[in-house]
Amino acid sequence: MTAERGDDPHVRQLLGAYVLDALPEGESGTVARHLQRCDACAAAYVEVADAVCLLALLDETDLLE
């Protein structure tokens, strides 16, 4: 998977993996550089990062409801 696909140079599809530090080093660097210059993707990054933090607050019983 690459950060730049076709006509869409944005990295939104990679943000979940980026937040979880699950991208290869080269791809992670590409995403980091893109986030520095793209306000739309940076805002989406904050939303994804917030969601990951909230998920960490859930326990097994929360997921079974």
PDB file of N, CA and C in Angstrom:
ATOM      1  N   MET A   1       0.851  -1.166   0.000  1.00  0.00           N
ATOM      2  CA  MET A   1       0.000   0.000   0.000  1.00  0.00           C
ATOM      3  C   MET A   1       0.900   1.233   0.000  1.00  0.00           C
ATOM      4  N   THR A   2       0.562   2.205  -0.811  1.00  0.00           N
ATOM      5  CA  THR A   2       1.345   3.429  -0.829  1.00  0.00           C
ATOM      6  C   THR A   2       0.489   4.596  -0.378  1.00  0.00           C
ATOM      7  N   ALA A   3       1.131   5.624   0.106  1.00  0.00           N
ATOM      8  CA  ALA A   3       0.416   6.787   0.616  1.00  0.00           C
ATOM      9  C   ALA A   3      -0.247   7.567  -0.503  1.00  0.00           C
ATOM     10  N   GLU A   4       0.313   7.531  -1.688  1.00  0.00           N
ATOM     11  CA  GLU A   4      -0.270   8.281  -2.783  1.00  0.00           C
ATOM     12  C   GLU A   4      -0.806   7.309  -3.828  1.00  0.00           C
ATOM     13  N   ARG A   5      -2.128   7.271  -3.937  1.00  0.00           N
ATOM     14  CA  ARG A   5      -2.776   6.371  -4.884  1.00  0.00           C
ATOM     15  C   ARG A   5      -3.512   7.176  -5.934  1.00  0.00           C
ATOM     16  N   GLY A   6      -3.272   6.890  -7.169  1.00  0.00           N
ATOM     17  CA  GLY A   6      -4.020   7.514  -8.244  1.00  0.00           C
ATOM     18  C   GLY A   6      -4.040   9.027  -8.144  1.00  0.00           C
ATOM     19  N   ASP A   7      -5.233   9.583  -8.287  1.00  0.00           N
ATOM     20  CA  ASP A   7      -5.397  11.032  -8.268  1.00  0.00           C
ATOM     21  C   ASP A   7      -5.553  11.591  -6.858  1.00  0.00           C
ATOM     22  N   ASP A   8      -5.653  10.749  -5.841  1.00  0.00           N
ATOM     23  CA  ASP A   8      -5.859  11.211  -4.469  1.00  0.00           C
ATOM     24  C   ASP A   8      -4.537  11.147  -3.714  1.00  0.00           C
ATOM     25  N   PRO A   9      -3.893  12.305  -3.541  1.00  0.00           N
ATOM     26  CA  PRO A   9      -2.590  12.299  -2.876  1.00  0.00           C
ATOM     27  C   PRO A   9      -2.683  12.265  -1.354  1.00  0.00           C
ATOM     28  N   HIS A  10      -3.888  12.173  -0.832  1.00  0.00           N
ATOM     29  CA  HIS A  10      -4.064  12.215   0.614  1.00  0.00           C
ATOM     30  C   HIS A  10      -3.808  10.847   1.253  1.00  0.00           C
ATOM     31  N   VAL A  11      -3.601  10.857   2.554  1.00  0.00           N
ATOM     32  CA  VAL A  11      -3.184   9.645   3.262  1.00  0.00           C
ATOM     33  C   VAL A  11      -4.249   9.141   4.238  1.00  0.00           C
ATOM     34  N   ARG A  12      -5.491   9.594   4.087  1.00  0.00           N
ATOM     35  CA  ARG A  12      -6.532   9.223   5.044  1.00  0.00           C
ATOM     36  C   ARG A  12      -6.675   7.720   5.216  1.00  0.00           C
ATOM     37  N   GLN A  13      -6.517   6.959   4.156  1.00  0.00           N
ATOM     38  CA  GLN A  13      -6.686   5.506   4.248  1.00  0.00           C
ATOM     39  C   GLN A  13      -5.575   4.838   5.056  1.00  0.00           C
ATOM     40  N   LEU A  14      -4.501   5.557   5.317  1.00  0.00           N
ATOM     41  CA  LEU A  14      -3.377   5.005   6.071  1.00  0.00           C
ATOM     42  C   LEU A  14      -3.346   5.445   7.531  1.00  0.00           C
ATOM     43  N   LEU A  15      -4.237   6.339   7.920  1.00  0.00           N
ATOM     44  CA  LEU A  15      -4.137   6.943   9.247  1.00  0.00           C
ATOM     45  C   LEU A  15      -4.325   5.952  10.392  1.00  0.00           C
ATOM     46  N   GLY A  16      -5.221   4.995  10.245  1.00  0.00           N
ATOM     47  CA  GLY A  16      -5.409   3.999  11.306  1.00  0.00           C
ATOM     48  C   GLY A  16      -4.129   3.232  11.578  1.00  0.00           C
ATOM     49  N   ALA A  17      -3.510   2.762  10.527  1.00  0.00           N
ATOM     50  CA  ALA A  17      -2.247   2.030  10.681  1.00  0.00           C
ATOM     51  C   ALA A  17      -1.145   2.951  11.186  1.00  0.00           C
ATOM     52  N   TYR A  18      -1.148   4.206  10.758  1.00  0.00           N
ATOM     53  CA  TYR A  18      -0.141   5.164  11.207  1.00  0.00           C
ATOM     54  C   TYR A  18      -0.259   5.405  12.709  1.00  0.00           C
ATOM     55  N   VAL A  19      -1.486   5.627  13.182  1.00  0.00           N
ATOM     56  CA  VAL A  19      -1.713   5.875  14.608  1.00  0.00           C
ATOM     57  C   VAL A  19      -1.268   4.679  15.443  1.00  0.00           C
ATOM     58  N   LEU A  20      -1.481   3.481  14.925  1.00  0.00           N
ATOM     59  CA  LEU A  20      -1.104   2.261  15.648  1.00  0.00           C
ATOM     60  C   LEU A  20       0.347   1.866  15.418  1.00  0.00           C
ATOM     61  N   ASP A  21       1.095   2.702  14.706  1.00  0.00           N
ATOM     62  CA  ASP A  21       2.508   2.448  14.390  1.00  0.00           C
ATOM     63  C   ASP A  21       2.681   1.114  13.664  1.00  0.00           C
ATOM     64  N   ALA A  22       1.779   0.882  12.710  1.00  0.00           N
ATOM     65  CA  ALA A  22       1.780  -0.388  11.997  1.00  0.00           C
ATOM     66  C   ALA A  22       2.200  -0.250  10.531  1.00  0.00           C
ATOM     67  N   LEU A  23       2.743   0.885  10.166  1.00  0.00           N
ATOM     68  CA  LEU A  23       3.213   1.071   8.792  1.00  0.00           C
ATOM     69  C   LEU A  23       4.712   0.802   8.710  1.00  0.00           C
ATOM     70  N   PRO A  24       5.163   0.339   7.557  1.00  0.00           N
ATOM     71  CA  PRO A  24       6.616   0.236   7.363  1.00  0.00           C
ATOM     72  C   PRO A  24       7.246   1.624   7.495  1.00  0.00           C
ATOM     73  N   GLU A  25       8.517   1.665   7.848  1.00  0.00           N
ATOM     74  CA  GLU A  25       9.198   2.927   8.130  1.00  0.00           C
ATOM     75  C   GLU A  25       9.077   3.938   6.990  1.00  0.00           C
ATOM     76  N   GLY A  26       9.268   3.506   5.780  1.00  0.00           N
ATOM     77  CA  GLY A  26       9.188   4.415   4.636  1.00  0.00           C
ATOM     78  C   GLY A  26       7.811   5.020   4.473  1.00  0.00           C
ATOM     79  N   GLU A  27       6.794   4.199   4.626  1.00  0.00           N
ATOM     80  CA  GLU A  27       5.424   4.690   4.507  1.00  0.00           C
ATOM     81  C   GLU A  27       5.074   5.609   5.666  1.00  0.00           C
ATOM     82  N   SER A  28       5.540   5.274   6.837  1.00  0.00           N
ATOM     83  CA  SER A  28       5.289   6.104   8.007  1.00  0.00           C
ATOM     84  C   SER A  28       5.880   7.502   7.815  1.00  0.00           C
ATOM     85  N   GLY A  29       7.060   7.564   7.262  1.00  0.00           N
ATOM     86  CA  GLY A  29       7.690   8.847   6.979  1.00  0.00           C
ATOM     87  C   GLY A  29       6.914   9.655   5.957  1.00  0.00           C
ATOM     88  N   THR A  30       6.407   8.978   4.943  1.00  0.00           N
ATOM     89  CA  THR A  30       5.602   9.649   3.919  1.00  0.00           C
ATOM     90  C   THR A  30       4.348  10.247   4.536  1.00  0.00           C
ATOM     91  N   VAL A  31       3.689   9.482   5.394  1.00  0.00           N
ATOM     92  CA  VAL A  31       2.484   9.981   6.060  1.00  0.00           C
ATOM     93  C   VAL A  31       2.832  11.167   6.953  1.00  0.00           C
ATOM     94  N   ALA A  32       3.887  11.064   7.730  1.00  0.00           N
ATOM     95  CA  ALA A  32       4.283  12.143   8.636  1.00  0.00           C
ATOM     96  C   ALA A  32       4.558  13.437   7.861  1.00  0.00           C
ATOM     97  N   ARG A  33       5.258  13.330   6.757  1.00  0.00           N
ATOM     98  CA  ARG A  33       5.549  14.515   5.944  1.00  0.00           C
ATOM     99  C   ARG A  33       4.273  15.107   5.365  1.00  0.00           C
ATOM    100  N   HIS A  34       3.371  14.247   4.914  1.00  0.00           N
ATOM    101  CA  HIS A  34       2.105  14.721   4.352  1.00  0.00           C
ATOM    102  C   HIS A  34       1.285  15.448   5.416  1.00  0.00           C
ATOM    103  N   LEU A  35       1.251  14.912   6.628  1.00  0.00           N
ATOM    104  CA  LEU A  35       0.473  15.525   7.699  1.00  0.00           C
ATOM    105  C   LEU A  35       0.987  16.920   8.047  1.00  0.00           C
ATOM    106  N   GLN A  36       2.259  17.167   7.834  1.00  0.00           N
ATOM    107  CA  GLN A  36       2.835  18.476   8.122  1.00  0.00           C
ATOM    108  C   GLN A  36       2.359  19.551   7.145  1.00  0.00           C
ATOM    109  N   ARG A  37       1.934  19.137   5.957  1.00  0.00           N
ATOM    110  CA  ARG A  37       1.566  20.135   4.951  1.00  0.00           C
ATOM    111  C   ARG A  37       0.100  20.077   4.527  1.00  0.00           C
ATOM    112  N   CYS A  38      -0.681  19.137   5.060  1.00  0.00           N
ATOM    113  CA  CYS A  38      -2.080  18.989   4.640  1.00  0.00           C
ATOM    114  C   CYS A  38      -3.004  19.116   5.855  1.00  0.00           C
ATOM    115  N   ASP A  39      -3.676  20.244   5.954  1.00  0.00           N
ATOM    116  CA  ASP A  39      -4.558  20.481   7.096  1.00  0.00           C
ATOM    117  C   ASP A  39      -5.716  19.482   7.169  1.00  0.00           C
ATOM    118  N   ALA A  40      -6.252  19.091   6.022  1.00  0.00           N
ATOM    119  CA  ALA A  40      -7.382  18.157   6.009  1.00  0.00           C
ATOM    120  C   ALA A  40      -6.974  16.797   6.571  1.00  0.00           C
ATOM    121  N   CYS A  41      -5.840  16.294   6.148  1.00  0.00           N
ATOM    122  CA  CYS A  41      -5.375  14.993   6.650  1.00  0.00           C
ATOM    123  C   CYS A  41      -4.932  15.097   8.108  1.00  0.00           C
ATOM    124  N   ALA A  42      -4.347  16.233   8.485  1.00  0.00           N
ATOM    125  CA  ALA A  42      -3.945  16.425   9.880  1.00  0.00           C
ATOM    126  C   ALA A  42      -5.172  16.418  10.794  1.00  0.00           C
ATOM    127  N   ALA A  43      -6.266  17.038  10.349  1.00  0.00           N
ATOM    128  CA  ALA A  43      -7.497  17.029  11.138  1.00  0.00           C
ATOM    129  C   ALA A  43      -8.061  15.612  11.230  1.00  0.00           C
ATOM    130  N   ALA A  44      -8.007  14.867  10.136  1.00  0.00           N
ATOM    131  CA  ALA A  44      -8.478  13.480  10.157  1.00  0.00           C
ATOM    132  C   ALA A  44      -7.596  12.638  11.076  1.00  0.00           C
ATOM    133  N   TYR A  45      -6.302  12.908  11.103  1.00  0.00           N
ATOM    134  CA  TYR A  45      -5.382  12.205  11.991  1.00  0.00           C
ATOM    135  C   TYR A  45      -5.791  12.400  13.452  1.00  0.00           C
ATOM    136  N   VAL A  46      -6.114  13.630  13.829  1.00  0.00           N
ATOM    137  CA  VAL A  46      -6.522  13.913  15.206  1.00  0.00           C
ATOM    138  C   VAL A  46      -7.772  13.108  15.563  1.00  0.00           C
ATOM    139  N   GLU A  47      -8.724  13.028  14.647  1.00  0.00           N
ATOM    140  CA  GLU A  47      -9.943  12.255  14.892  1.00  0.00           C
ATOM    141  C   GLU A  47      -9.636  10.775  15.082  1.00  0.00           C
ATOM    142  N   VAL A  48      -8.778  10.230  14.237  1.00  0.00           N
ATOM    143  CA  VAL A  48      -8.420   8.809  14.347  1.00  0.00           C
ATOM    144  C   VAL A  48      -7.658   8.556  15.647  1.00  0.00           C
ATOM    145  N   ALA A  49      -6.731   9.425  15.974  1.00  0.00           N
ATOM    146  CA  ALA A  49      -5.950   9.266  17.208  1.00  0.00           C
ATOM    147  C   ALA A  49      -6.864   9.344  18.428  1.00  0.00           C
ATOM    148  N   ASP A  50      -7.828  10.267  18.410  1.00  0.00           N
ATOM    149  CA  ASP A  50      -8.786  10.375  19.518  1.00  0.00           C
ATOM    150  C   ASP A  50      -9.611   9.099  19.652  1.00  0.00           C
ATOM    151  N   ALA A  51     -10.043   8.547  18.519  1.00  0.00           N
ATOM    152  CA  ALA A  51     -10.846   7.324  18.551  1.00  0.00           C
ATOM    153  C   ALA A  51     -10.049   6.163  19.132  1.00  0.00           C
ATOM    154  N   VAL A  52      -8.789   6.055  18.781  1.00  0.00           N
ATOM    155  CA  VAL A  52      -7.934   4.992  19.312  1.00  0.00           C
ATOM    156  C   VAL A  52      -7.798   5.145  20.828  1.00  0.00           C
ATOM    157  N   CYS A  53      -7.632   6.370  21.287  1.00  0.00           N
ATOM    158  CA  CYS A  53      -7.534   6.615  22.737  1.00  0.00           C
ATOM    159  C   CYS A  53      -8.819   6.221  23.446  1.00  0.00           C
ATOM    160  N   LEU A  54      -9.955   6.529  22.846  1.00  0.00           N
ATOM    161  CA  LEU A  54     -11.238   6.171  23.457  1.00  0.00           C
ATOM    162  C   LEU A  54     -11.438   4.659  23.487  1.00  0.00           C
ATOM    163  N   LEU A  55     -11.008   3.975  22.436  1.00  0.00           N
ATOM    164  CA  LEU A  55     -11.129   2.512  22.409  1.00  0.00           C
ATOM    165  C   LEU A  55     -10.347   1.872  23.545  1.00  0.00           C
ATOM    166  N   ALA A  56      -9.251   2.467  23.913  1.00  0.00           N
ATOM    167  CA  ALA A  56      -8.424   1.920  24.993  1.00  0.00           C
ATOM    168  C   ALA A  56      -9.152   1.967  26.335  1.00  0.00           C
ATOM    169  N   LEU A  57     -10.166   2.805  26.447  1.00  0.00           N
ATOM    170  CA  LEU A  57     -10.921   2.922  27.691  1.00  0.00           C
ATOM    171  C   LEU A  57     -11.988   1.836  27.850  1.00  0.00           C
ATOM    172  N   LEU A  58     -12.300   1.145  26.766  1.00  0.00           N
ATOM    173  CA  LEU A  58     -13.321   0.103  26.798  1.00  0.00           C
ATOM    174  C   LEU A  58     -12.762  -1.177  27.383  1.00  0.00           C
ATOM    175  N   ASP A  59     -13.638  -1.928  28.047  1.00  0.00           N
ATOM    176  CA  ASP A  59     -13.232  -3.261  28.482  1.00  0.00           C
ATOM    177  C   ASP A  59     -14.148  -4.289  27.818  1.00  0.00           C
ATOM    178  N   GLU A  60     -13.933  -5.532  28.108  1.00  0.00           N
ATOM    179  CA  GLU A  60     -14.652  -6.618  27.430  1.00  0.00           C
ATOM    180  C   GLU A  60     -16.167  -6.490  27.599  1.00  0.00           C
ATOM    181  N   THR A  61     -16.635  -6.113  28.769  1.00  0.00           N
ATOM    182  CA  THR A  61     -18.088  -6.006  28.987  1.00  0.00           C
ATOM    183  C   THR A  61     -18.685  -4.891  28.138  1.00  0.00           C
ATOM    184  N   ASP A  62     -17.952  -3.818  27.911  1.00  0.00           N
ATOM    185  CA  ASP A  62     -18.440  -2.749  27.033  1.00  0.00           C
ATOM    186  C   ASP A  62     -18.647  -3.264  25.626  1.00  0.00           C
ATOM    187  N   LEU A  63     -17.787  -4.134  25.177  1.00  0.00           N
ATOM    188  CA  LEU A  63     -17.862  -4.652  23.811  1.00  0.00           C
ATOM    189  C   LEU A  63     -18.965  -5.671  23.628  1.00  0.00           C
ATOM    190  N   LEU A  64     -19.408  -6.300  24.703  1.00  0.00           N
ATOM    191  CA  LEU A  64     -20.443  -7.322  24.613  1.00  0.00           C
ATOM    192  C   LEU A  64     -21.851  -6.749  24.669  1.00  0.00           C
ATOM    193  N   GLU A  65     -21.993  -5.483  24.977  1.00  0.00           N
ATOM    194  CA  GLU A  65     -23.311  -4.858  25.065  1.00  0.00           C
ATOM    195  C   GLU A  65     -23.911  -4.602  23.718  1.00  0.00           C
TER     196      GLU A  65
END
